[in-house]
Amino acid sequence: MGDKGYSYKGSGTNSQGNHYCSRDYGNGSNSYHYSNTDGSYYYNNPSGSTYHNNGNGGSTYTSPSGASHLSGYGGGSSGKSSGSGKK
């Protein structure tokens, strides 16, 4: 495992030129990420959450429970449902 709490399972570049890396946390939890040639990236975290950035300012975070939060996609909405917005 080393000092970081994880070991690398593998990494490389796929046929589209996108980088990937996967990690083993030793407790049944694994994670991986992709960094794509178009500037987008995706993380799958050991907690079960995911994060995707589309490379154009838009991002989506999904919690382990499945709740999603979107930001940067325009349209005047942050993706939150707080109910405290002013008009």
PDB file of N, CA and C in Angstrom:
ATOM      1  N   MET A   1       0.815  -1.199   0.000  1.00  0.00           N
ATOM      2  CA  MET A   1       0.000   0.000   0.000  1.00  0.00           C
ATOM      3  C   MET A   1       0.857   1.261   0.000  1.00  0.00           C
ATOM      4  N   GLY A   2       1.870   1.302   0.800  1.00  0.00           N
ATOM      5  CA  GLY A   2       2.699   2.493   0.866  1.00  0.00           C
ATOM      6  C   GLY A   2       2.078   3.551   1.761  1.00  0.00           C
ATOM      7  N   ASP A   3       2.730   4.690   1.810  1.00  0.00           N
ATOM      8  CA  ASP A   3       2.301   5.780   2.687  1.00  0.00           C
ATOM      9  C   ASP A   3       1.009   6.441   2.237  1.00  0.00           C
ATOM     10  N   LYS A   4       0.630   6.279   0.993  1.00  0.00           N
ATOM     11  CA  LYS A   4      -0.527   6.974   0.446  1.00  0.00           C
ATOM     12  C   LYS A   4      -1.848   6.291   0.780  1.00  0.00           C
ATOM     13  N   GLY A   5      -1.819   5.068   1.236  1.00  0.00           N
ATOM     14  CA  GLY A   5      -3.047   4.359   1.545  1.00  0.00           C
ATOM     15  C   GLY A   5      -3.645   3.635   0.360  1.00  0.00           C
ATOM     16  N   TYR A   6      -2.963   3.618  -0.749  1.00  0.00           N
ATOM     17  CA  TYR A   6      -3.444   2.915  -1.936  1.00  0.00           C
ATOM     18  C   TYR A   6      -2.253   2.437  -2.749  1.00  0.00           C
ATOM     19  N   SER A   7      -2.528   1.528  -3.654  1.00  0.00           N
ATOM     20  CA  SER A   7      -1.514   1.113  -4.618  1.00  0.00           C
ATOM     21  C   SER A   7      -2.095   1.271  -6.017  1.00  0.00           C
ATOM     22  N   TYR A   8      -1.231   1.526  -6.966  1.00  0.00           N
ATOM     23  CA  TYR A   8      -1.684   1.668  -8.348  1.00  0.00           C
ATOM     24  C   TYR A   8      -2.018   0.311  -8.933  1.00  0.00           C
ATOM     25  N   LYS A   9      -3.174   0.211  -9.541  1.00  0.00           N
ATOM     26  CA  LYS A   9      -3.551  -1.010 -10.248  1.00  0.00           C
ATOM     27  C   LYS A   9      -3.095  -0.967 -11.689  1.00  0.00           C
ATOM     28  N   GLY A  10      -3.177   0.204 -12.275  1.00  0.00           N
ATOM     29  CA  GLY A  10      -2.764   0.323 -13.658  1.00  0.00           C
ATOM     30  C   GLY A  10      -2.984   1.731 -14.160  1.00  0.00           C
ATOM     31  N   SER A  11      -2.285   2.080 -15.210  1.00  0.00           N
ATOM     32  CA  SER A  11      -2.474   3.375 -15.853  1.00  0.00           C
ATOM     33  C   SER A  11      -1.974   3.265 -17.284  1.00  0.00           C
ATOM     34  N   GLY A  12      -2.366   4.210 -18.081  1.00  0.00           N
ATOM     35  CA  GLY A  12      -1.925   4.195 -19.464  1.00  0.00           C
ATOM     36  C   GLY A  12      -2.747   5.127 -20.306  1.00  0.00           C
ATOM     37  N   THR A  13      -2.682   4.905 -21.595  1.00  0.00           N
ATOM     38  CA  THR A  13      -3.404   5.710 -22.565  1.00  0.00           C
ATOM     39  C   THR A  13      -4.182   4.775 -23.474  1.00  0.00           C
ATOM     40  N   ASN A  14      -5.471   5.073 -23.646  1.00  0.00           N
ATOM     41  CA  ASN A  14      -6.287   4.201 -24.492  1.00  0.00           C
ATOM     42  C   ASN A  14      -6.124   4.579 -25.966  1.00  0.00           C
ATOM     43  N   SER A  15      -6.834   3.892 -26.829  1.00  0.00           N
ATOM     44  CA  SER A  15      -6.666   4.075 -28.273  1.00  0.00           C
ATOM     45  C   SER A  15      -7.109   5.451 -28.755  1.00  0.00           C
ATOM     46  N   GLN A  16      -7.916   6.171 -27.944  1.00  0.00           N
ATOM     47  CA  GLN A  16      -8.339   7.523 -28.300  1.00  0.00           C
ATOM     48  C   GLN A  16      -7.369   8.591 -27.783  1.00  0.00           C
ATOM     49  N   GLY A  17      -6.310   8.164 -27.102  1.00  0.00           N
ATOM     50  CA  GLY A  17      -5.337   9.102 -26.565  1.00  0.00           C
ATOM     51  C   GLY A  17      -5.681   9.633 -25.191  1.00  0.00           C
ATOM     52  N   ASN A  18      -6.672   9.040 -24.529  1.00  0.00           N
ATOM     53  CA  ASN A  18      -7.103   9.477 -23.208  1.00  0.00           C
ATOM     54  C   ASN A  18      -6.333   8.727 -22.124  1.00  0.00           C
ATOM     55  N   HIS A  19      -5.884   9.461 -21.114  1.00  0.00           N
ATOM     56  CA  HIS A  19      -5.133   8.875 -20.006  1.00  0.00           C
ATOM     57  C   HIS A  19      -6.095   8.292 -18.975  1.00  0.00           C
ATOM     58  N   TYR A  20      -5.726   7.170 -18.386  1.00  0.00           N
ATOM     59  CA  TYR A  20      -6.499   6.602 -17.289  1.00  0.00           C
ATOM     60  C   TYR A  20      -5.552   6.103 -16.203  1.00  0.00           C
ATOM     61  N   CYS A  21      -6.070   6.026 -15.003  1.00  0.00           N
ATOM     62  CA  CYS A  21      -5.303   5.526 -13.872  1.00  0.00           C
ATOM     63  C   CYS A  21      -6.283   4.883 -12.897  1.00  0.00           C
ATOM     64  N   SER A  22      -5.926   3.724 -12.362  1.00  0.00           N
ATOM     65  CA  SER A  22      -6.785   3.075 -11.374  1.00  0.00           C
ATOM     66  C   SER A  22      -5.976   2.763 -10.125  1.00  0.00           C
ATOM     67  N   ARG A  23      -6.653   2.789  -8.981  1.00  0.00           N
ATOM     68  CA  ARG A  23      -6.014   2.581  -7.682  1.00  0.00           C
ATOM     69  C   ARG A  23      -6.781   1.552  -6.872  1.00  0.00           C
ATOM     70  N   ASP A  24      -6.050   0.844  -6.032  1.00  0.00           N
ATOM     71  CA  ASP A  24      -6.623  -0.140  -5.120  1.00  0.00           C
ATOM     72  C   ASP A  24      -6.366   0.338  -3.696  1.00  0.00           C
ATOM     73  N   TYR A  25      -7.426   0.513  -2.921  1.00  0.00           N
ATOM     74  CA  TYR A  25      -7.298   0.994  -1.547  1.00  0.00           C
ATOM     75  C   TYR A  25      -7.225  -0.146  -0.532  1.00  0.00           C
ATOM     76  N   GLY A  26      -7.268  -1.383  -0.996  1.00  0.00           N
ATOM     77  CA  GLY A  26      -7.027  -2.528  -0.135  1.00  0.00           C
ATOM     78  C   GLY A  26      -8.164  -2.931   0.774  1.00  0.00           C
ATOM     79  N   ASN A  27      -9.281  -2.245   0.747  1.00  0.00           N
ATOM     80  CA  ASN A  27     -10.417  -2.568   1.612  1.00  0.00           C
ATOM     81  C   ASN A  27     -11.672  -2.853   0.788  1.00  0.00           C
ATOM     82  N   GLY A  28     -11.459  -3.237  -0.456  1.00  0.00           N
ATOM     83  CA  GLY A  28     -12.573  -3.477  -1.355  1.00  0.00           C
ATOM     84  C   GLY A  28     -12.976  -2.237  -2.122  1.00  0.00           C
ATOM     85  N   SER A  29     -12.335  -1.106  -1.814  1.00  0.00           N
ATOM     86  CA  SER A  29     -12.629   0.150  -2.505  1.00  0.00           C
ATOM     87  C   SER A  29     -11.565   0.416  -3.561  1.00  0.00           C
ATOM     88  N   ASN A  30     -12.015   0.698  -4.743  1.00  0.00           N
ATOM     89  CA  ASN A  30     -11.127   1.040  -5.844  1.00  0.00           C
ATOM     90  C   ASN A  30     -11.573   2.359  -6.437  1.00  0.00           C
ATOM     91  N   SER A  31     -10.691   2.987  -7.161  1.00  0.00           N
ATOM     92  CA  SER A  31     -11.045   4.228  -7.834  1.00  0.00           C
ATOM     93  C   SER A  31     -10.318   4.291  -9.165  1.00  0.00           C
ATOM     94  N   TYR A  32     -10.803   5.168 -10.031  1.00  0.00           N
ATOM     95  CA  TYR A  32     -10.115   5.400 -11.288  1.00  0.00           C
ATOM     96  C   TYR A  32     -10.448   6.795 -11.789  1.00  0.00           C
ATOM     97  N   HIS A  33      -9.633   7.278 -12.696  1.00  0.00           N
ATOM     98  CA  HIS A  33      -9.940   8.545 -13.341  1.00  0.00           C
ATOM     99  C   HIS A  33      -9.479   8.510 -14.786  1.00  0.00           C
ATOM    100  N   TYR A  34     -10.134   9.323 -15.579  1.00  0.00           N
ATOM    101  CA  TYR A  34      -9.784   9.528 -16.983  1.00  0.00           C
ATOM    102  C   TYR A  34      -9.497  11.001 -17.189  1.00  0.00           C
ATOM    103  N   SER A  35      -8.465  11.307 -17.933  1.00  0.00           N
ATOM    104  CA  SER A  35      -8.186  12.659 -18.414  1.00  0.00           C
ATOM    105  C   SER A  35      -8.212  12.573 -19.929  1.00  0.00           C
ATOM    106  N   ASN A  36      -9.163  13.246 -20.536  1.00  0.00           N
ATOM    107  CA  ASN A  36      -9.409  13.085 -21.966  1.00  0.00           C
ATOM    108  C   ASN A  36      -8.756  14.178 -22.808  1.00  0.00           C
ATOM    109  N   THR A  37      -8.504  13.862 -24.054  1.00  0.00           N
ATOM    110  CA  THR A  37      -7.837  14.799 -24.958  1.00  0.00           C
ATOM    111  C   THR A  37      -8.669  16.042 -25.237  1.00  0.00           C
ATOM    112  N   ASP A  38      -9.979  15.987 -25.020  1.00  0.00           N
ATOM    113  CA  ASP A  38     -10.825  17.160 -25.245  1.00  0.00           C
ATOM    114  C   ASP A  38     -10.871  18.095 -24.033  1.00  0.00           C
ATOM    115  N   GLY A  39     -10.087  17.787 -22.987  1.00  0.00           N
ATOM    116  CA  GLY A  39     -10.048  18.619 -21.793  1.00  0.00           C
ATOM    117  C   GLY A  39     -10.991  18.168 -20.698  1.00  0.00           C
ATOM    118  N   SER A  40     -11.836  17.196 -20.974  1.00  0.00           N
ATOM    119  CA  SER A  40     -12.757  16.698 -19.960  1.00  0.00           C
ATOM    120  C   SER A  40     -12.051  15.670 -19.079  1.00  0.00           C
ATOM    121  N   TYR A  41     -12.612  15.452 -17.909  1.00  0.00           N
ATOM    122  CA  TYR A  41     -12.071  14.404 -17.030  1.00  0.00           C
ATOM    123  C   TYR A  41     -13.174  13.837 -16.157  1.00  0.00           C
ATOM    124  N   TYR A  42     -12.912  12.650 -15.648  1.00  0.00           N
ATOM    125  CA  TYR A  42     -13.902  11.898 -14.878  1.00  0.00           C
ATOM    126  C   TYR A  42     -13.204  11.187 -13.733  1.00  0.00           C
ATOM    127  N   TYR A  43     -13.753  11.291 -12.544  1.00  0.00           N
ATOM    128  CA  TYR A  43     -13.230  10.589 -11.374  1.00  0.00           C
ATOM    129  C   TYR A  43     -14.308   9.691 -10.793  1.00  0.00           C
ATOM    130  N   ASN A  44     -13.950   8.472 -10.495  1.00  0.00           N
ATOM    131  CA  ASN A  44     -14.782   7.554  -9.735  1.00  0.00           C
ATOM    132  C   ASN A  44     -14.024   7.324  -8.433  1.00  0.00           C
ATOM    133  N   ASN A  45     -14.552   7.809  -7.320  1.00  0.00           N
ATOM    134  CA  ASN A  45     -13.846   7.817  -6.042  1.00  0.00           C
ATOM    135  C   ASN A  45     -14.130   6.572  -5.212  1.00  0.00           C
ATOM    136  N   PRO A  46     -13.232   6.241  -4.287  1.00  0.00           N
ATOM    137  CA  PRO A  46     -13.431   5.028  -3.479  1.00  0.00           C
ATOM    138  C   PRO A  46     -14.666   5.083  -2.596  1.00  0.00           C
ATOM    139  N   SER A  47     -15.182   6.280  -2.320  1.00  0.00           N
ATOM    140  CA  SER A  47     -16.392   6.421  -1.505  1.00  0.00           C
ATOM    141  C   SER A  47     -17.651   6.059  -2.284  1.00  0.00           C
ATOM    142  N   GLY A  48     -17.523   5.979  -3.624  1.00  0.00           N
ATOM    143  CA  GLY A  48     -18.684   5.726  -4.469  1.00  0.00           C
ATOM    144  C   GLY A  48     -19.181   6.970  -5.174  1.00  0.00           C
ATOM    145  N   SER A  49     -18.609   8.124  -4.844  1.00  0.00           N
ATOM    146  CA  SER A  49     -18.998   9.358  -5.523  1.00  0.00           C
ATOM    147  C   SER A  49     -18.278   9.449  -6.872  1.00  0.00           C
ATOM    148  N   THR A  50     -18.829  10.270  -7.752  1.00  0.00           N
ATOM    149  CA  THR A  50     -18.200  10.503  -9.051  1.00  0.00           C
ATOM    150  C   THR A  50     -18.153  11.996  -9.332  1.00  0.00           C
ATOM    151  N   TYR A  51     -17.215  12.392 -10.162  1.00  0.00           N
ATOM    152  CA  TYR A  51     -17.091  13.787 -10.572  1.00  0.00           C
ATOM    153  C   TYR A  51     -16.731  13.802 -12.042  1.00  0.00           C
ATOM    154  N   HIS A  52     -17.476  14.580 -12.815  1.00  0.00           N
ATOM    155  CA  HIS A  52     -17.195  14.718 -14.239  1.00  0.00           C
ATOM    156  C   HIS A  52     -17.111  16.193 -14.581  1.00  0.00           C
ATOM    157  N   ASN A  53     -16.063  16.577 -15.284  1.00  0.00           N
ATOM    158  CA  ASN A  53     -15.922  17.929 -15.812  1.00  0.00           C
ATOM    159  C   ASN A  53     -15.881  17.800 -17.320  1.00  0.00           C
ATOM    160  N   ASN A  54     -16.721  18.559 -18.018  1.00  0.00           N
ATOM    161  CA  ASN A  54     -16.841  18.387 -19.467  1.00  0.00           C
ATOM    162  C   ASN A  54     -15.782  19.140 -20.268  1.00  0.00           C
ATOM    163  N   GLY A  55     -14.878  19.844 -19.581  1.00  0.00           N
ATOM    164  CA  GLY A  55     -13.820  20.563 -20.261  1.00  0.00           C
ATOM    165  C   GLY A  55     -14.239  21.917 -20.785  1.00  0.00           C
ATOM    166  N   ASN A  56     -15.511  22.264 -20.602  1.00  0.00           N
ATOM    167  CA  ASN A  56     -16.045  23.541 -21.064  1.00  0.00           C
ATOM    168  C   ASN A  56     -16.681  24.334 -19.927  1.00  0.00           C
ATOM    169  N   GLY A  57     -16.297  24.046 -18.706  1.00  0.00           N
ATOM    170  CA  GLY A  57     -16.834  24.775 -17.561  1.00  0.00           C
ATOM    171  C   GLY A  57     -17.992  24.106 -16.858  1.00  0.00           C
ATOM    172  N   GLY A  58     -18.513  23.025 -17.404  1.00  0.00           N
ATOM    173  CA  GLY A  58     -19.617  22.306 -16.770  1.00  0.00           C
ATOM    174  C   GLY A  58     -19.108  21.121 -15.980  1.00  0.00           C
ATOM    175  N   SER A  59     -19.682  20.903 -14.813  1.00  0.00           N
ATOM    176  CA  SER A  59     -19.273  19.763 -14.005  1.00  0.00           C
ATOM    177  C   SER A  59     -20.473  19.149 -13.296  1.00  0.00           C
ATOM    178  N   THR A  60     -20.352  17.879 -12.998  1.00  0.00           N
ATOM    179  CA  THR A  60     -21.388  17.143 -12.282  1.00  0.00           C
ATOM    180  C   THR A  60     -20.730  16.323 -11.187  1.00  0.00           C
ATOM    181  N   TYR A  61     -21.189  16.513  -9.956  1.00  0.00           N
ATOM    182  CA  TYR A  61     -20.765  15.692  -8.826  1.00  0.00           C
ATOM    183  C   TYR A  61     -21.947  14.825  -8.422  1.00  0.00           C
ATOM    184  N   THR A  62     -21.723  13.549  -8.265  1.00  0.00           N
ATOM    185  CA  THR A  62     -22.760  12.638  -7.797  1.00  0.00           C
ATOM    186  C   THR A  62     -22.268  11.980  -6.516  1.00  0.00           C
ATOM    187  N   SER A  63     -23.044  12.123  -5.450  1.00  0.00           N
ATOM    188  CA  SER A  63     -22.667  11.577  -4.151  1.00  0.00           C
ATOM    189  C   SER A  63     -22.869  10.064  -4.138  1.00  0.00           C
ATOM    190  N   PRO A  64     -22.315   9.394  -3.130  1.00  0.00           N
ATOM    191  CA  PRO A  64     -22.523   7.938  -3.026  1.00  0.00           C
ATOM    192  C   PRO A  64     -23.999   7.540  -2.960  1.00  0.00           C
ATOM    193  N   SER A  65     -24.861   8.438  -2.466  1.00  0.00           N
ATOM    194  CA  SER A  65     -26.296   8.132  -2.376  1.00  0.00           C
ATOM    195  C   SER A  65     -27.019   8.353  -3.703  1.00  0.00           C
ATOM    196  N   GLY A  66     -26.322   8.952  -4.688  1.00  0.00           N
ATOM    197  CA  GLY A  66     -26.920   9.165  -5.994  1.00  0.00           C
ATOM    198  C   GLY A  66     -27.419  10.573  -6.248  1.00  0.00           C
ATOM    199  N   ALA A  67     -27.314  11.464  -5.251  1.00  0.00           N
ATOM    200  CA  ALA A  67     -27.728  12.853  -5.439  1.00  0.00           C
ATOM    201  C   ALA A  67     -26.691  13.570  -6.292  1.00  0.00           C
ATOM    202  N   SER A  68     -27.163  14.318  -7.295  1.00  0.00           N
ATOM    203  CA  SER A  68     -26.259  15.008  -8.207  1.00  0.00           C
ATOM    204  C   SER A  68     -26.296  16.513  -8.009  1.00  0.00           C
ATOM    205  N   HIS A  69     -25.162  17.135  -8.240  1.00  0.00           N
ATOM    206  CA  HIS A  69     -25.044  18.590  -8.225  1.00  0.00           C
ATOM    207  C   HIS A  69     -24.351  19.000  -9.513  1.00  0.00           C
ATOM    208  N   LEU A  70     -25.026  19.848 -10.298  1.00  0.00           N
ATOM    209  CA  LEU A  70     -24.478  20.335 -11.555  1.00  0.00           C
ATOM    210  C   LEU A  70     -24.075  21.792 -11.387  1.00  0.00           C
ATOM    211  N   SER A  71     -23.001  22.182 -12.044  1.00  0.00           N
ATOM    212  CA  SER A  71     -22.621  23.592 -12.038  1.00  0.00           C
ATOM    213  C   SER A  71     -21.937  23.943 -13.348  1.00  0.00           C
ATOM    214  N   GLY A  72     -22.057  25.204 -13.726  1.00  0.00           N
ATOM    215  CA  GLY A  72     -21.356  25.716 -14.883  1.00  0.00           C
ATOM    216  C   GLY A  72     -21.966  25.389 -16.227  1.00  0.00           C
ATOM    217  N   TYR A  73     -23.184  24.869 -16.262  1.00  0.00           N
ATOM    218  CA  TYR A  73     -23.815  24.516 -17.531  1.00  0.00           C
ATOM    219  C   TYR A  73     -24.679  25.636 -18.097  1.00  0.00           C
ATOM    220  N   GLY A  74     -24.768  26.777 -17.409  1.00  0.00           N
ATOM    221  CA  GLY A  74     -25.573  27.888 -17.907  1.00  0.00           C
ATOM    222  C   GLY A  74     -27.036  27.710 -17.573  1.00  0.00           C
ATOM    223  N   GLY A  75     -27.865  28.578 -18.127  1.00  0.00           N
ATOM    224  CA  GLY A  75     -29.304  28.493 -17.882  1.00  0.00           C
ATOM    225  C   GLY A  75     -29.725  29.113 -16.571  1.00  0.00           C
ATOM    226  N   GLY A  76     -28.784  29.690 -15.823  1.00  0.00           N
ATOM    227  CA  GLY A  76     -29.125  30.395 -14.595  1.00  0.00           C
ATOM    228  C   GLY A  76     -29.418  29.494 -13.417  1.00  0.00           C
ATOM    229  N   SER A  77     -29.124  28.208 -13.522  1.00  0.00           N
ATOM    230  CA  SER A  77     -29.383  27.293 -12.420  1.00  0.00           C
ATOM    231  C   SER A  77     -28.096  26.617 -12.012  1.00  0.00           C
ATOM    232  N   SER A  78     -27.864  26.532 -10.726  1.00  0.00           N
ATOM    233  CA  SER A  78     -26.650  25.891 -10.244  1.00  0.00           C
ATOM    234  C   SER A  78     -26.851  24.402 -10.032  1.00  0.00           C
ATOM    235  N   GLY A  79     -28.082  23.943 -10.172  1.00  0.00           N
ATOM    236  CA  GLY A  79     -28.347  22.539  -9.927  1.00  0.00           C
ATOM    237  C   GLY A  79     -28.764  22.254  -8.502  1.00  0.00           C
ATOM    238  N   LYS A  80     -28.674  23.257  -7.633  1.00  0.00           N
ATOM    239  CA  LYS A  80     -29.077  23.081  -6.246  1.00  0.00           C
ATOM    240  C   LYS A  80     -30.569  23.316  -6.112  1.00  0.00           C
ATOM    241  N   SER A  81     -31.179  22.667  -5.162  1.00  0.00           N
ATOM    242  CA  SER A  81     -32.593  22.871  -4.857  1.00  0.00           C
ATOM    243  C   SER A  81     -32.708  23.403  -3.438  1.00  0.00           C
ATOM    244  N   SER A  82     -32.163  24.588  -3.199  1.00  0.00           N
ATOM    245  CA  SER A  82     -32.158  25.119  -1.844  1.00  0.00           C
ATOM    246  C   SER A  82     -33.451  25.864  -1.510  1.00  0.00           C
ATOM    247  N   GLY A  83     -34.124  26.402  -2.541  1.00  0.00           N
ATOM    248  CA  GLY A  83     -35.352  27.129  -2.284  1.00  0.00           C
ATOM    249  C   GLY A  83     -35.144  28.523  -1.707  1.00  0.00           C
ATOM    250  N   SER A  84     -33.893  28.979  -1.640  1.00  0.00           N
ATOM    251  CA  SER A  84     -33.644  30.276  -1.019  1.00  0.00           C
ATOM    252  C   SER A  84     -33.276  31.339  -2.042  1.00  0.00           C
ATOM    253  N   GLY A  85     -33.491  31.080  -3.320  1.00  0.00           N
ATOM    254  CA  GLY A  85     -33.138  32.044  -4.356  1.00  0.00           C
ATOM    255  C   GLY A  85     -34.017  33.275  -4.324  1.00  0.00           C
ATOM    256  N   LYS A  86     -33.447  34.422  -4.683  1.00  0.00           N
ATOM    257  CA  LYS A  86     -34.190  35.671  -4.733  1.00  0.00           C
ATOM    258  C   LYS A  86     -34.538  35.990  -6.173  1.00  0.00           C
ATOM    259  N   LYS A  87     -35.678  36.673  -6.365  1.00  0.00           N
ATOM    260  CA  LYS A  87     -36.110  37.069  -7.707  1.00  0.00           C
ATOM    261  C   LYS A  87     -35.973  38.554  -7.887  1.00  0.00           C
TER     262      LYS A  87
END
